[in-house]
Amino acid sequence: MAARELADGPASEGARSDGAVTRALRVLEALSPGARKLAEIAEAAGVTRTNAHRILGVLTDAGYVQPVGGGSYRLAPRSAALGAALGLAAPGGVERALHELGEKVGATVHLALRSGSHAVYVHKIDAPGPVRMASSIGMRISLHCTAIGKAMLAALDDAAVRAVVAEAGLPVRTPNTIGDVDALAGALTEVRALGYAVDDEENEQGIRCLGMALPRDGAPGGGISISTLTYTTPRDQLISYRAALADTVDQVATLLA
């Protein structure tokens, strides 16, 4: 009997683990059409509401799911990043719009979506030529020192900005990084006036970016940026791309609505 218990124990544990993974995957699949309520998710996944709520909590903590209010949930940026790696993260028109922008300006283009107090790259279009930036799909970025992040923060009120800072801090990455909340508030005032944000070697030395917020469900849910090498693209030239960037933001916002 003891031998049977030893033989069966790991298998039974593995079966339980496999069952939990399968249920979690079914919950993710139930969310794929868009935001859904708990009862709908549970029914579509074939699990109880209690199990669905527990699984959604774990997936939320891991960054794959996010609550959207009213007892509803949707896939979060980390799921989008996983899908993007397979070419499945968004309608084909999004990738096409980003490619067109990249070709027009001859620079690297990023699309990131907000994930709590950070953002996550879900699309990247490399610039022509042999030089490749170190960024990658699925990479988490700070909001205070990136063009996308500052554009998103500028769309929030002061209390919301300070809440993000309280959670994420203001880690200094380069000599140009803004490391003081009051200085950040002043920079965001300028971003609001201009309608765009510039990362002037604040996240990485030698890299300058132009970014705009991407509205999603009436809030700054992400952003798009054009990233350039400082030694090949003067600041004024980068800023001259703002109209092309704004057009792409409008296109992508419509496609993701």
Foldseek 3Di string as FASTA:
>chain_A
DVVVCVVVVVVVVVVVVVVLVLLLVQLQVQQVVHKDALVSSCVSSVHDSVSSVVSQVVCLVVQQKDDDDPRIIHGGQLVLLVCLVVPRNFPPVLVVLQVVLCVVLQFKKWWWFDGQLWIFTNDIDHGPDDDGDPDDRGDIGGLQQAFFSLQQLLQDDLVVNVVSCVVPPQDFQDPPGDRDSVVSVVQSVVCVVVQWGWRPCRNHPQKIKIKHFADDPNHRGIIMMTIDGCVPAPPVSRVVSVVSRVVSSVSVSVRRD
